[in-house]
Amino acid sequence: MQIEAAVLRSAAEPYAIEKLELAGPGPGQVLVRIAGVGFCHTDLLGRAGLVPTPVILGHEGSGVVEAVGPGVTGIEQGQHVVLSFDSCGGCANCREANPAYCDTFFPRNLSAAEGPVGGVLSGWFGQSSFASHAIAGVRNVVPIDQDVPLELMGPLGCGIQTGAASVLLALKVAAGSSIAVFGAGAVGLAAVMAARVAGATTIIAVDLHESRLELARELGATHTCTDAAEVSGVQYAFDTTGVPAVIAAAVDALRPTGICGLVGIGQGDLVLNGNALSSGKTVMGILEGGAVPQTFIPRMIELWKQDRFPFDRLVTTFPLAEINRAEAASLSGEVVKPVLLP
């Protein structure tokens, strides 16, 4: 079948909308007609020359199942789905319900290869959803209710899931506790909303953009600031920036026995004071919030239905044909979470 896709021909070129041939789903795969796909900062790795080109990126897709391949069970034609990260299902962590720490997480998700799309590389996060249609593996397809706006649900598959699950599952933020969130982008603001769901009574958002801090206050932050060094005495810290100086400040901000979670893509070597962890502090690396998408994505949707997790307030929609404008708006901070509509 013929599809339209946003193709990155080289790291330095703009995306180009192209018509390509897509093969049907193979064993263990499904064909999804994309209704919406979030633009995540992880997709910017294509700009860093870390992904071979030409390639179709995109890994926060949502849509409707149009066909299923041989051996697929539990997924049916016509179902509404969110596409999340891929995992093998067979390693020790997958068997213990920790698919985000799958032995093959990085090659499965942060690479692309020749596949069902003719002439370009695909398989980014097991989906490559910057397109009208995508082939996904059964393990990264999450059926959802059909009474929600499907085109907005894609970011639940990665960025929003990462922020919310990091707070609720990985850090296990306790009711009545305190947390500082460093970086008020989509991941950080999802963490702010989740901290309110968890019952934290002190929620501090740290960012350089006053507009994002204003939004953080509306979504549940009790305090905001622009200087990471001003924060102190919190039980939990959560860094989304990957900036070593900010991470060091986040660790310093912890009270004794505090926990700092890290999800940002590293921007350089991290050096901590030799005594930084001597008072029982913990630094924890987190992937995808440690979530099982098949259970956590429906949980987020239910919280959204109850007006307790208004992630849609982060979203600005763009036509897929305007992906370059969406990318620029994301980089400038003008937009928190672009969602592309094929």
Protein backbone atom coordinates (compact mmCIF):
# COMPACT_ATOMS: atom_id res chain seq x y z
CA MET A 1 0.00 0.00 0.00
CA GLN A 2 1.07 3.61 -0.48
CA ILE A 3 1.56 5.87 2.52
CA GLU A 4 2.72 9.41 3.24
CA ALA A 5 5.62 9.85 5.62
CA ALA A 6 7.89 12.58 6.93
CA VAL A 7 11.36 11.41 5.88
CA LEU A 8 14.61 12.73 7.31
CA ARG A 9 17.04 12.34 4.39
CA SER A 10 20.03 13.63 6.36
CA ALA A 11 20.67 15.15 9.78
CA ALA A 12 21.05 18.63 8.29
CA GLU A 13 18.03 18.63 5.97
CA PRO A 14 14.42 19.50 6.75
CA TYR A 15 11.88 16.69 6.83
CA ALA A 16 10.28 15.96 3.45
CA ILE A 17 6.77 14.57 3.01
CA GLU A 18 7.05 11.62 0.61
CA LYS A 19 4.83 8.91 -0.81
CA LEU A 20 6.27 5.47 -0.09
CA GLU A 21 5.30 1.83 -0.38
CA LEU A 22 4.54 -0.03 2.83
CA ALA A 23 4.35 -3.82 3.08
CA GLY A 24 1.66 -5.46 5.20
CA PRO A 25 2.23 -6.66 8.76
CA GLY A 26 4.36 -9.74 9.28
CA PRO A 27 4.20 -12.29 12.09
CA GLY A 28 3.64 -10.59 15.43
CA GLN A 29 2.97 -7.21 13.80
CA VAL A 30 0.01 -4.90 13.25
CA LEU A 31 -0.74 -2.18 10.71
CA VAL A 32 -1.97 1.06 12.31
CA ARG A 33 -3.50 4.06 10.54
CA ILE A 34 -2.02 6.96 12.48
CA ALA A 35 -4.44 9.53 13.91
CA GLY A 36 -1.81 11.62 15.70
CA VAL A 37 1.84 11.40 16.69
CA GLY A 38 3.73 13.42 19.27
CA PHE A 39 7.05 15.07 18.49
CA CYS A 40 9.40 14.05 21.32
CA HIS A 41 12.87 15.43 22.06
CA THR A 42 14.22 11.91 21.60
CA ASP A 43 13.32 12.26 17.92
CA LEU A 44 15.99 14.99 17.78
CA LEU A 45 18.63 12.24 17.96
CA GLY A 46 18.15 12.10 14.21
CA ARG A 47 19.63 15.61 14.09
CA ALA A 48 22.66 14.52 16.10
CA GLY A 49 23.79 12.05 13.45
CA LEU A 50 23.14 9.13 15.81
CA VAL A 51 20.56 7.52 13.53
CA PRO A 52 21.32 6.38 9.97
CA THR A 53 19.41 8.12 7.20
CA PRO A 54 17.16 8.29 5.26
CA VAL A 55 14.79 7.39 8.07
CA ILE A 56 11.23 7.74 9.32
CA LEU A 57 11.23 8.72 12.99
CA GLY A 58 8.29 9.27 15.35
CA HIS A 59 7.51 7.16 18.39
CA GLU A 60 4.41 8.58 20.05
CA GLY A 61 1.78 7.34 17.63
CA SER A 62 -1.91 6.66 18.17
CA GLY A 63 -4.37 5.31 15.66
CA VAL A 64 -6.66 2.55 14.45
CA VAL A 65 -5.60 -1.03 13.74
CA GLU A 66 -6.24 -1.79 10.06
CA ALA A 67 -4.70 -5.27 9.84
CA VAL A 68 -2.97 -7.85 12.03
CA GLY A 69 -0.22 -10.24 11.05
CA PRO A 70 0.03 -14.00 11.61
CA GLY A 71 0.12 -15.11 15.23
CA VAL A 72 -1.20 -11.85 16.70
CA THR A 73 -3.66 -12.31 19.57
CA GLY A 74 -5.35 -9.73 21.77
CA ILE A 75 -5.25 -7.03 19.07
CA GLU A 76 -8.08 -6.78 16.54
CA GLN A 77 -8.85 -4.81 13.42
CA GLY A 78 -10.69 -1.58 14.27
CA GLN A 79 -9.26 -1.19 17.78
CA HIS A 80 -8.00 2.20 18.89
CA VAL A 81 -4.42 1.96 20.12
CA VAL A 82 -1.47 3.91 21.47
CA LEU A 83 2.00 2.90 20.30
CA SER A 84 4.65 2.78 23.01
CA PHE A 85 8.20 1.43 23.27
CA ASP A 86 9.26 -2.04 22.13
CA SER A 87 10.61 -4.91 24.24
CA CYS A 88 11.52 -8.55 23.66
CA GLY A 89 9.19 -10.21 26.18
CA GLY A 90 11.68 -12.98 26.92
CA CYS A 91 14.57 -11.55 28.96
CA ALA A 92 14.60 -11.61 32.76
CA ASN A 93 13.38 -8.02 33.15
CA CYS A 94 10.57 -8.46 30.62
CA ARG A 95 9.43 -11.64 32.36
CA GLU A 96 9.41 -9.73 35.66
CA ALA A 97 7.17 -6.95 34.23
CA ASN A 98 10.04 -4.51 33.70
CA PRO A 99 9.94 -4.12 29.90
CA ALA A 100 11.49 -0.64 30.01
CA TYR A 101 14.69 -2.35 31.17
CA CYS A 102 14.59 -5.02 28.48
CA ASP A 103 18.02 -6.43 27.64
CA THR A 104 17.53 -5.22 24.06
CA PHE A 105 15.79 -1.90 24.81
CA PHE A 106 18.37 0.30 23.08
CA PRO A 107 18.78 -1.63 19.81
CA ARG A 108 15.02 -2.16 19.61
CA ASN A 109 14.08 1.46 20.22
CA LEU A 110 16.97 3.76 19.41
CA SER A 111 17.87 2.37 16.01
CA ALA A 112 16.31 1.88 12.59
CA ALA A 113 16.85 -0.61 9.79
CA GLU A 114 15.50 -1.74 6.46
CA GLY A 115 11.97 -2.95 6.97
CA PRO A 116 8.45 -2.72 5.60
CA VAL A 117 8.81 0.78 4.11
CA GLY A 118 10.46 0.78 0.70
CA GLY A 119 13.57 2.94 0.26
CA VAL A 120 13.99 4.25 3.80
CA LEU A 121 14.88 2.96 7.26
CA SER A 122 12.16 2.42 9.84
CA GLY A 123 11.43 0.60 13.10
CA TRP A 124 12.26 3.60 15.34
CA PHE A 125 10.88 2.58 18.77
CA GLY A 126 9.29 -0.34 16.93
CA GLN A 127 6.91 1.98 15.03
CA SER A 128 8.27 4.95 12.98
CA SER A 129 4.98 6.83 13.23
CA PHE A 130 5.77 10.14 11.47
CA ALA A 131 3.53 8.78 8.74
CA SER A 132 -0.04 8.09 7.71
CA HIS A 133 0.44 4.41 8.60
CA ALA A 134 2.93 2.43 10.70
CA ILE A 135 3.86 -1.19 11.27
CA ALA A 136 4.29 -1.93 14.98
CA GLY A 137 5.13 -4.98 17.06
CA VAL A 138 2.40 -6.49 19.17
CA ARG A 139 4.30 -5.73 22.39
CA ASN A 140 4.31 -1.97 21.81
CA VAL A 141 0.62 -1.73 20.86
CA VAL A 142 -1.74 -0.72 23.69
CA PRO A 143 -5.52 -0.96 23.10
CA ILE A 144 -7.48 1.96 24.58
CA ASP A 145 -11.12 2.98 24.95
CA GLN A 146 -12.81 4.45 21.89
CA ASP A 147 -14.50 7.29 23.78
CA VAL A 148 -11.41 9.52 23.96
CA PRO A 149 -9.91 11.87 21.31
CA LEU A 150 -7.60 9.37 19.63
CA GLU A 151 -5.43 11.97 17.92
CA LEU A 152 -4.28 13.37 21.29
CA MET A 153 -3.36 10.08 22.95
CA GLY A 154 0.01 9.41 21.25
CA PRO A 155 2.23 11.31 23.73
CA LEU A 156 1.03 8.92 26.44
CA GLY A 157 3.24 6.32 24.76
CA CYS A 158 6.54 7.95 25.72
CA GLY A 159 7.03 11.49 27.04
CA ILE A 160 3.94 11.81 29.21
CA GLN A 161 4.29 8.22 30.38
CA THR A 162 7.93 8.83 31.31
CA GLY A 163 7.13 11.84 33.50
CA ALA A 164 4.07 10.41 35.20
CA ALA A 165 5.35 6.88 35.75
CA SER A 166 8.69 8.13 37.06
CA VAL A 167 6.81 9.87 39.86
CA LEU A 168 4.15 7.25 40.55
CA LEU A 169 6.07 4.01 39.89
CA ALA A 170 9.84 4.52 39.90
CA LEU A 171 10.23 7.16 42.60
CA LYS A 172 6.98 6.15 44.38
CA VAL A 173 6.40 9.71 45.56
CA ALA A 174 4.49 9.53 48.84
CA ALA A 175 1.45 11.56 49.88
CA GLY A 176 2.44 14.57 51.96
CA SER A 177 6.00 14.59 50.63
CA SER A 178 8.05 17.11 48.63
CA ILE A 179 9.44 16.94 45.09
CA ALA A 180 11.38 19.29 42.81
CA VAL A 181 11.04 18.83 39.05
CA PHE A 182 13.90 20.26 36.99
CA GLY A 183 12.74 21.15 33.48
CA ALA A 184 9.11 22.02 32.73
CA GLY A 185 8.76 20.50 29.30
CA ALA A 186 6.30 17.75 28.52
CA VAL A 187 8.06 15.17 30.71
CA GLY A 188 8.51 17.57 33.61
CA LEU A 189 4.96 18.90 33.50
CA ALA A 190 3.63 15.33 33.38
CA ALA A 191 5.68 14.73 36.52
CA VAL A 192 4.14 17.81 38.17
CA MET A 193 0.64 16.55 37.41
CA ALA A 194 1.50 13.07 38.66
CA ALA A 195 2.98 14.49 41.88
CA ARG A 196 -0.36 16.16 42.54
CA VAL A 197 -2.11 12.83 41.87
CA ALA A 198 0.29 11.19 44.34
CA GLY A 199 -0.64 13.72 47.02
CA ALA A 200 2.71 15.51 47.32
CA THR A 201 2.17 18.74 49.25
CA THR A 202 5.28 20.57 48.05
CA ILE A 203 5.79 20.47 44.27
CA ILE A 204 8.55 22.73 42.93
CA ALA A 205 8.99 23.31 39.18
CA VAL A 206 12.30 24.70 37.93
CA ASP A 207 12.66 26.10 34.42
CA LEU A 208 14.07 29.09 32.55
CA HIS A 209 10.80 29.87 30.72
CA GLU A 210 8.33 31.89 32.78
CA SER A 211 5.47 30.77 30.52
CA ARG A 212 6.18 27.15 31.40
CA LEU A 213 6.41 27.95 35.10
CA GLU A 214 3.03 29.66 34.88
CA LEU A 215 1.59 26.52 33.29
CA ALA A 216 3.27 24.39 35.97
CA ARG A 217 1.50 26.40 38.66
CA GLU A 218 -1.82 25.86 36.92
CA LEU A 219 -1.15 22.11 36.73
CA GLY A 220 -0.22 21.63 40.38
CA ALA A 221 3.15 23.16 41.22
CA THR A 222 3.07 24.85 44.63
CA HIS A 223 6.35 26.72 44.02
CA THR A 224 8.38 27.70 40.94
CA CYS A 225 11.83 29.15 40.35
CA THR A 226 14.35 29.74 37.57
CA ASP A 227 17.52 28.91 39.56
CA ALA A 228 18.15 25.23 40.33
CA ALA A 229 20.52 26.20 43.15
CA GLU A 230 17.65 27.80 45.10
CA VAL A 231 15.98 24.46 45.82
CA SER A 232 16.77 22.57 49.03
CA GLY A 233 15.37 20.08 51.50
CA VAL A 234 13.14 17.99 49.20
CA GLN A 235 12.56 14.26 49.53
CA TYR A 236 12.47 13.68 45.77
CA ALA A 237 14.15 15.37 42.82
CA PHE A 238 13.45 14.63 39.17
CA ASP A 239 15.72 15.84 36.38
CA THR A 240 14.50 15.97 32.79
CA THR A 241 17.28 18.18 31.40
CA GLY A 242 20.31 15.91 31.30
CA VAL A 243 22.50 18.96 32.06
CA PRO A 244 25.28 17.92 34.50
CA ALA A 245 25.18 21.18 36.49
CA VAL A 246 21.41 20.89 36.91
CA ILE A 247 21.67 17.25 37.97
CA ALA A 248 24.30 18.15 40.56
CA ALA A 249 21.99 20.88 41.88
CA ALA A 250 19.11 18.38 42.00
CA VAL A 251 21.18 15.99 44.10
CA ASP A 252 22.25 18.85 46.39
CA ALA A 253 18.58 19.84 46.77
CA LEU A 254 17.73 16.50 48.40
CA ARG A 255 17.34 16.14 52.11
CA PRO A 256 19.17 13.16 53.70
CA THR A 257 17.74 9.86 52.36
CA GLY A 258 16.27 11.72 49.38
CA ILE A 259 15.99 10.16 45.91
CA CYS A 260 16.88 11.81 42.60
CA GLY A 261 15.51 10.32 39.37
CA LEU A 262 17.21 11.02 36.02
CA VAL A 263 15.52 10.73 32.63
CA GLY A 264 17.10 13.48 30.52
CA ILE A 265 19.45 12.56 27.68
CA GLY A 266 22.93 13.15 29.09
CA GLN A 267 24.55 16.41 27.96
CA GLY A 268 28.03 15.55 29.26
CA ASP A 269 29.89 13.80 32.06
CA LEU A 270 28.27 14.00 35.47
CA VAL A 271 30.61 14.85 38.37
CA LEU A 272 29.22 14.87 41.92
CA ASN A 273 30.87 16.08 45.09
CA GLY A 274 32.62 13.20 46.85
CA ASN A 275 30.23 13.50 49.79
CA ALA A 276 27.10 14.08 47.68
CA LEU A 277 25.61 10.69 48.54
CA SER A 278 27.04 10.25 52.01
CA SER A 279 23.79 11.11 53.80
CA GLY A 280 21.80 8.24 52.33
CA LYS A 281 20.85 9.97 49.10
CA THR A 282 20.09 7.85 46.03
CA VAL A 283 20.49 8.68 42.34
CA MET A 284 18.30 6.54 40.07
CA GLY A 285 18.38 6.27 36.29
CA ILE A 286 14.88 5.78 34.85
CA LEU A 287 13.71 4.58 31.44
CA GLU A 288 10.09 5.17 30.34
CA GLY A 289 9.15 5.66 33.98
CA GLY A 290 9.64 1.95 34.60
CA ALA A 291 6.09 1.48 33.26
CA VAL A 292 4.30 -1.44 31.67
CA PRO A 293 2.51 0.47 28.90
CA GLN A 294 -0.43 -1.95 28.69
CA THR A 295 -1.42 -1.11 32.27
CA PHE A 296 -0.07 2.41 32.79
CA ILE A 297 -1.42 4.08 29.63
CA PRO A 298 -5.05 3.12 30.47
CA ARG A 299 -4.41 4.39 34.01
CA MET A 300 -3.35 7.80 32.67
CA ILE A 301 -6.41 7.92 30.43
CA GLU A 302 -8.68 7.18 33.38
CA LEU A 303 -7.05 9.96 35.41
CA TRP A 304 -7.54 12.29 32.42
CA LYS A 305 -11.24 11.39 32.26
CA GLN A 306 -11.50 12.34 35.94
CA ASP A 307 -9.89 15.76 35.23
CA ARG A 308 -6.98 14.79 37.48
CA PHE A 309 -4.33 14.55 34.74
CA PRO A 310 -5.02 17.20 32.06
CA PHE A 311 -2.12 16.32 29.77
CA ASP A 312 -4.05 17.67 26.78
CA ARG A 313 -3.20 21.18 28.02
CA LEU A 314 0.39 20.54 26.92
CA VAL A 315 -0.59 19.74 23.33
CA THR A 316 -0.50 21.95 20.24
CA THR A 317 -1.49 20.27 16.98
CA PHE A 318 0.15 20.68 13.56
CA PRO A 319 -0.50 18.99 10.22
CA LEU A 320 2.16 16.36 9.47
CA ALA A 321 3.09 18.46 6.45
CA GLU A 322 4.23 21.18 8.89
CA ILE A 323 6.57 18.93 10.85
CA ASN A 324 9.50 21.31 10.38
CA ARG A 325 7.51 24.15 11.94
CA ALA A 326 6.50 21.85 14.81
CA GLU A 327 10.12 20.87 15.38
CA ALA A 328 11.20 24.52 15.48
CA ALA A 329 8.40 25.40 17.91
CA SER A 330 9.46 22.57 20.19
CA LEU A 331 13.14 23.59 20.12
CA SER A 332 12.35 27.24 20.87
CA GLY A 333 10.12 26.40 23.81
CA GLU A 334 7.14 28.03 22.10
CA VAL A 335 5.24 24.73 22.24
CA VAL A 336 5.40 22.10 25.00
CA LYS A 337 4.18 19.05 23.08
CA PRO A 338 3.57 19.23 19.33
CA VAL A 339 1.22 16.57 17.99
CA LEU A 340 1.23 15.93 14.24
CA LEU A 341 -2.01 15.04 12.48
CA PRO A 342 -1.51 13.05 9.24
